[in-house]
Protein backbone atom coordinates (compact mmCIF):
# COMPACT_ATOMS: atom_id res chain seq x y z
CA MET A 1 20.07 -1.03 1.07
CA ARG A 2 19.16 0.61 -2.21
CA PRO A 3 15.80 -0.15 -3.87
CA ALA A 4 15.97 -3.19 -6.12
CA VAL A 5 13.84 -3.99 -9.13
CA LEU A 6 13.41 -7.56 -10.30
CA ARG A 7 11.14 -6.56 -13.12
CA LYS A 8 9.79 -3.32 -14.53
CA ASP A 9 6.24 -2.54 -13.42
CA PRO A 10 4.15 -2.23 -16.64
CA ASN A 11 1.45 -0.21 -14.82
CA ARG A 12 3.78 2.56 -13.73
CA ARG A 13 2.89 5.94 -15.29
CA ARG A 14 5.14 8.86 -15.98
CA PRO A 15 4.07 12.11 -14.37
CA TYR A 16 2.28 14.43 -16.75
CA ALA A 17 2.92 18.12 -17.20
CA GLY A 18 1.09 20.24 -14.68
CA SER A 19 0.55 17.39 -12.22
CA ARG A 20 1.57 17.49 -8.61
CA SER A 21 5.11 16.47 -7.75
CA SER A 22 5.70 12.76 -8.12
CA SER A 23 8.24 12.75 -5.30
CA SER A 24 7.24 10.14 -2.79
CA SER A 25 9.50 11.29 0.02
CA GLY A 26 7.61 14.56 0.56
CA GLY A 27 8.47 16.51 3.66
CA PRO A 28 9.20 15.22 7.11
CA PRO A 29 6.71 12.48 7.99
CA GLY A 30 4.15 12.88 10.71
CA ARG A 31 3.30 10.26 13.30
CA ILE A 32 0.56 7.77 14.07
CA ALA A 33 -0.63 8.40 17.58
CA GLY A 34 2.00 6.45 19.47
CA ASN A 35 4.62 6.25 22.15
CA SER A 36 7.27 8.86 21.38
CA SER A 37 9.54 7.41 24.08
CA ALA A 38 9.84 3.99 22.41
CA PRO A 39 13.49 2.99 21.83
CA ARG A 40 14.59 3.38 18.22
CA ARG A 41 17.44 2.45 15.93
CA ARG A 42 18.04 3.08 12.27
CA SER A 43 16.71 0.49 9.84
CA GLY A 44 19.49 -0.98 7.72
CA ASP A 45 20.45 -3.88 5.57
CA SER A 46 18.85 -6.44 7.89
CA PHE A 47 15.33 -5.85 6.49
CA VAL A 48 13.82 -6.30 3.03
CA LEU A 49 10.32 -5.23 1.97
CA TYR A 50 8.95 -7.00 -1.11
CA VAL A 51 6.09 -5.38 -3.07
CA GLU A 52 4.40 -6.28 -6.34
CA GLY A 53 5.13 -3.11 -8.30
CA ALA A 54 6.59 0.38 -8.31
CA ARG A 55 3.13 1.87 -7.77
CA ASP A 56 2.73 -0.18 -4.56
CA ARG A 57 5.97 1.34 -3.24
CA GLU A 58 4.83 4.83 -4.23
CA ILE A 59 1.51 4.41 -2.42
CA LEU A 60 3.18 3.05 0.72
CA GLN A 61 5.68 5.91 0.75
CA CYS A 62 2.91 8.48 0.45
CA TRP A 63 0.92 6.88 3.28
CA ALA A 64 4.02 6.58 5.45
CA ARG A 65 4.52 10.35 5.43
CA SER A 66 1.74 10.63 8.02
CA ALA A 67 2.49 7.39 9.85
CA GLY A 68 5.85 7.72 11.58
CA PRO A 69 9.32 9.31 11.46
CA GLY A 70 11.74 7.43 9.25
CA LEU A 71 9.13 5.06 7.84
CA THR A 72 9.14 6.68 4.38
CA ARG A 73 12.93 6.41 4.24
CA CYS A 74 12.79 2.78 5.36
CA ILE A 75 10.34 1.89 2.56
CA GLU A 76 12.35 3.81 -0.01
CA GLN A 77 15.68 2.22 0.87
CA ASN A 78 14.65 -1.37 1.64
CA THR A 79 12.10 -2.21 -1.06
CA VAL A 80 12.44 -4.88 -3.74
CA ILE A 81 9.92 -4.75 -6.60
CA LEU A 82 8.77 -8.21 -7.69
CA GLY A 83 7.05 -7.25 -10.95
CA GLY A 84 3.71 -8.83 -10.06
CA ARG A 85 2.18 -11.16 -7.48
CA ARG A 86 5.25 -13.42 -7.31
CA PRO A 87 6.01 -14.55 -3.76
CA ALA A 88 8.30 -17.27 -5.15
CA ARG A 89 10.61 -14.51 -6.43
CA ALA A 90 10.65 -12.94 -2.98
CA LEU A 91 11.54 -16.28 -1.42
CA ALA A 92 14.37 -16.88 -3.91
CA ASP A 93 15.77 -13.36 -3.44
CA PHE A 94 15.55 -13.66 0.36
CA ARG A 95 17.54 -16.90 0.26
CA ARG A 96 20.13 -15.40 -2.10
CA ARG A 97 20.74 -12.64 0.43
CA GLY A 98 21.45 -15.21 3.15
CA GLY A 99 17.99 -15.34 4.77
CA ALA A 100 17.49 -15.77 8.48
CA ASP A 101 20.95 -17.35 8.86
CA ALA A 102 22.42 -13.97 7.89
CA GLY A 103 20.19 -12.15 10.39
CA LEU A 104 17.85 -10.97 7.64
CA ARG A 105 14.15 -10.31 8.12
CA GLY A 106 11.74 -9.82 5.26
CA LEU A 107 8.10 -8.93 4.60
CA VAL A 108 6.22 -9.76 1.38
CA VAL A 109 3.17 -7.54 0.70
CA LEU A 110 0.60 -9.02 -1.70
CA ASP A 111 -2.78 -8.06 -3.10
CA ARG A 112 -5.56 -10.43 -2.11
CA ASP A 113 -6.96 -10.56 -5.65
CA ASP A 114 -9.84 -12.95 -6.34
CA HIS A 115 -8.13 -16.03 -7.64
CA GLY A 116 -6.06 -18.90 -6.32
CA GLU A 117 -2.91 -18.29 -8.35
CA GLY A 118 0.24 -18.18 -6.28
CA VAL A 119 -1.40 -19.53 -3.11
CA GLU A 120 1.12 -22.35 -2.63
CA ALA A 121 4.01 -20.00 -3.34
CA SER A 122 2.63 -17.61 -0.69
CA HIS A 123 2.46 -20.45 1.83
CA SER A 124 6.03 -21.47 1.02
CA ALA A 125 7.24 -17.91 1.57
CA SER A 126 5.33 -17.61 4.85
CA ARG A 127 6.96 -20.83 6.13
CA GLU A 128 10.47 -19.49 5.51
CA ALA A 129 12.30 -18.55 8.70
CA GLY A 130 12.68 -14.76 8.93
CA LEU A 131 10.22 -14.06 6.09
CA GLU A 132 6.61 -13.00 6.61
CA VAL A 133 3.75 -12.56 4.14
CA PHE A 134 1.17 -9.78 4.48
CA VAL A 135 -1.95 -10.05 2.30
CA TRP A 136 -4.36 -7.13 2.03
CA SER A 137 -7.88 -8.02 3.18
CA LEU A 138 -9.32 -5.94 0.33
CA ARG A 139 -8.73 -6.90 -3.29
CA HIS A 140 -5.85 -4.57 -4.18
CA ILE A 141 -3.68 -1.98 -2.46
CA GLU A 142 -5.52 0.57 -4.64
CA SER A 143 -8.76 -0.42 -2.87
CA TYR A 144 -7.55 1.52 0.16
CA LEU A 145 -7.45 4.71 -1.91
CA LEU A 146 -11.21 4.79 -2.42
CA VAL A 147 -11.84 7.11 0.51
CA PRO A 148 -14.40 9.83 -0.28
CA ALA A 149 -12.61 12.53 1.73
CA ALA A 150 -9.33 11.94 -0.12
CA LEU A 151 -11.05 11.84 -3.51
CA ARG A 152 -12.76 15.15 -2.74
CA ARG A 153 -9.40 16.73 -1.93
CA VAL A 154 -7.95 15.56 -5.24
CA LEU A 155 -11.01 16.77 -7.15
CA ARG A 156 -11.25 19.95 -5.03
CA VAL A 157 -14.94 19.57 -4.36
CA SER A 158 -16.73 20.41 -1.12
CA VAL A 159 -18.02 17.92 1.41
CA GLU A 160 -21.55 18.91 0.44
CA ASP A 161 -20.98 17.70 -3.12
CA PRO A 162 -22.50 14.18 -3.31
CA ARG A 163 -20.90 13.12 -6.60
CA VAL A 164 -18.03 11.14 -5.06
CA GLU A 165 -20.22 9.03 -2.78
CA HIS A 166 -22.76 8.48 -5.57
CA ALA A 167 -20.05 7.39 -8.01
CA LEU A 168 -18.51 4.96 -5.52
CA ALA A 169 -21.91 3.49 -4.65
CA ASP A 170 -22.62 3.00 -8.34
CA GLN A 171 -19.28 1.22 -8.82
CA LEU A 172 -19.99 -1.11 -5.90
CA THR A 173 -23.42 -1.94 -7.34
CA ARG A 174 -21.84 -2.77 -10.69
CA GLU A 175 -19.25 -4.99 -9.00
CA ASP A 176 -21.96 -6.85 -7.10
CA ASP A 177 -23.89 -7.36 -10.33
CA ILE A 178 -20.80 -8.92 -11.91
CA ASN A 179 -19.53 -11.02 -9.01
CA GLY A 180 -22.58 -11.37 -6.78
CA SER A 181 -22.16 -11.63 -3.02
CA ARG A 182 -18.60 -12.96 -3.47
CA SER A 183 -17.40 -9.42 -4.13
CA ARG A 184 -15.75 -7.83 -1.07
CA SER A 185 -14.42 -4.70 -2.73
CA ILE A 186 -14.43 -2.74 -5.95
CA HIS A 187 -11.83 -3.64 -8.57
CA ALA A 188 -9.90 -0.44 -7.88
CA LYS A 189 -7.17 -1.09 -10.45
CA ARG A 190 -9.80 -1.22 -13.18
CA ILE A 191 -11.79 1.87 -12.27
CA LEU A 192 -8.93 4.31 -11.54
CA GLY A 193 -6.66 6.02 -14.05
CA ALA A 194 -7.17 6.93 -17.69
CA GLY A 195 -10.27 5.25 -19.07
CA GLY A 196 -11.31 3.94 -15.65
CA SER A 197 -15.03 3.98 -14.99
CA LEU A 198 -14.71 5.97 -11.75
CA SER A 199 -12.45 8.52 -13.43
CA GLU A 200 -14.95 8.85 -16.25
CA ALA A 201 -17.90 9.15 -13.86
CA LEU A 202 -16.21 11.99 -11.97
CA GLY A 203 -14.82 13.67 -15.06
CA ALA A 204 -11.15 13.57 -14.04
CA GLU A 205 -8.29 11.09 -14.28
CA LEU A 206 -7.70 9.74 -10.79
CA ARG A 207 -4.08 8.66 -10.25
CA ALA A 208 -3.18 6.32 -7.40
CA GLY A 209 -0.15 8.31 -6.25
CA GLU A 210 -2.02 11.59 -6.25
CA ILE A 211 -4.83 10.13 -4.12
CA ALA A 212 -2.34 8.57 -1.69
CA ARG A 213 -0.59 11.93 -1.25
CA ALA A 214 -3.93 13.55 -0.45
CA MET A 215 -4.71 11.07 2.32
CA ARG A 216 -4.36 11.93 5.99
CA THR A 217 -3.81 9.68 9.00
CA ASP A 218 -7.56 9.47 9.65
CA ASP A 219 -8.06 8.21 6.09
CA LEU A 220 -5.77 5.20 6.56
CA HIS A 221 -7.48 1.82 6.89
CA ASP A 222 -6.60 -0.37 9.87
CA ASP A 223 -4.91 -2.80 7.43
CA VAL A 224 -2.45 -0.06 6.47
CA LEU A 225 -1.68 0.71 10.10
CA ALA A 226 -1.19 -3.00 10.81
CA LEU A 227 1.29 -3.24 7.93
CA PHE A 228 3.23 -0.24 9.21
CA ARG A 229 3.44 -1.84 12.66
CA ARG A 230 5.04 -4.94 11.12
CA ILE A 231 7.47 -2.87 9.05
CA GLY A 232 8.43 -0.90 12.14
CA THR A 233 9.01 -4.05 14.16
CA LEU A 234 10.82 -6.14 11.54
CA SER A 235 13.08 -3.30 10.41
CA GLY A 236 13.96 -2.28 13.95
CA LEU A 237 12.79 1.23 13.15
CA VAL A 238 10.53 1.18 16.21
CA ALA A 239 10.87 -1.46 18.91
CA GLY A 240 7.57 -3.30 19.11
CA GLY A 241 6.09 -1.18 16.34
CA PRO A 242 4.22 2.12 16.77
CA GLU A 243 1.18 2.15 18.97
CA VAL A 244 -1.93 2.95 16.99
CA VAL A 245 -5.28 4.37 17.94
CA ILE A 246 -7.83 1.90 16.52
CA ARG A 247 -10.84 3.65 15.07
CA PRO A 248 -14.32 2.13 14.80
CA ASN A 249 -14.68 0.06 11.64
CA ARG A 250 -16.15 1.94 8.74
CA ARG A 251 -17.23 0.61 5.38
CA GLN A 252 -14.44 0.57 2.84
CA VAL A 253 -15.25 0.00 -0.82
């Protein structure tokens, strides 16, 4: 299955001269600590992964490079871009393809956001046979990029340099001032990229794809690993999904 686009992602940026390669396939992927003897088969046209935008797919592909053999290829070949938080579009597309009656399995990945829009549509999609909905526990997929170690690699600063942690703490304080105790994570979409407050605080434009490429397996949040398990299981890439070493919870902004 070739990648499908239902609508152009308005947030997608073109790579700029002198930046790192924008290729999301990278080299051969690594592996989450798992059972190498698990039975495998190639993922094919029986699985569809629905994401909100092209940047979501790019981030997932970059993360998948360190998460399991074939996972990057599966995401690249089986993704449909919805053009926003539109689970109703995923449901309609899934049915057009034949749905569960045709042996199809699908997974819709959505940002949590902080509003109620699209809640009923999400419930409708989750009730569809063969179609599952995965909602990030943090506000946006970009929230999982705010890992100090990864940001330091992008900025090429040493672990002794406190600027990254200080800047993130300042952003969290600002978010709490705006939203009070209801805030569970920084508005990552707003603070990254050109003109973003975190980029300005650190003196460099922080691009989502570049941060994702700099992340290692130990940087991946448990939510990301849980998503990869579902993709592995639903696509048939790994029977039962890859086993994952669960790390102690750590604060994620």
